Amino acid sequence: MSRVWPFFLLVGVGVALVRLRLLDGRMTQGLSAYVYWVGFPALLIHSLSRLGRPSHDLFLGLVAYACIGLLLMAATVAAGRTLGWNRAERAGAGMASGVGNSAFLALPVTAAVLGAEAARLAAGVVAIDFAVLATAGVGLLGWAAGRSVWRSTVQAFHNPVVIAAVGGVALALLDIALPEPLDRAVGMAAVSGSPVGLVALGAALGLSEADNEAAPATAPVVLATLVKLAAFPLLVWLAIGLTPAPSLFRAGATLLAAAPTAVNVFIQTRTYGVWPRGAARIVALTTALSAITLSVVALLLTARVS
């Protein structure tokens, strides 16, 4: 609970600023733009560049995690088509079901619950979340915005968050360090990414519905929430168990898979204009429920590891 409450406090700040009329829609767009272009890319470069090269067994575990994430995102999109959702709902719910708040919330919880070594081994999952799953999600948003599947996937690599994730992973694999002054500047910007994103999320939730914009449907929000908090960690536990990855990595990756939907999903949907209110509700709902679900998963994993 103590790990989750700070997130709610920052979201509450955004809601309060809107209610007090200190922030309006245009200002909220500005906050989102800062996180999109500066805060979150800096965070990814700063954190992912320090991961180092994974061992063979650990690499197979990361591949299993990525495959489960992509499978669940595709399954959510397919279920939405069967249920008659429009493209925006399918793309937004699909991305929200796969990209988790692994960096800001679940990784610190992993270190606190399973130990520093488990967190170190599972840190590669953050790279998968943003270099693989977020790339696929951005491709879905481009498709929902009217581009072809191929074009939207290619243009996902023009996205600053995707570029930063791929660049951070490349620096880690090549064992290249940024020059100290540049690294220090990137680190300063990285610290701001999550707090500003959470305030922007709260502001979006606090804004009244636009006259020409209907409230998001309930079904996509509920399905994405169930997939992210229940199906994802369960399938990750089973899939990584089929690989030679260390058991401590399996436990850490499962806990990261149980993370709520990342604030970045809301930032991306808002930037693309694809179902941002629905994404905001999924982020808020999964974060609220994660106070319970993360605790339950942590207890089960602790018992299993011990």
Foldseek 3Di string as FASTA:
>chain_A
DVLLVVLVVLLVLLLVCVVVVVDDPVNLLVLLVCLQAAQLLLQLLLQLLPLADDDPQLVQLLVLLLVLLLVQLVVQLVVCVVVPHALLLSLLLSLQLRQFPLPRGLLVVLCVQVNPVLSSSQVCNNLSNQQPSVLQSQLSLVVSLPDDSVVSSVCSCVGSSNVSSVNSNVSRHVVHDDPPVVSVVSVVSNVVNSSSLSSSLSNVQNHDDDPPDDQDDDVSLVVSLCSQQPVSLVSSLVRSVVTSHDPSNSLSNSLSSNGGGDSVSLSSCVVSVRPNNSSSSSRVVSSVCCVPSSVVSSVVSSVVVD
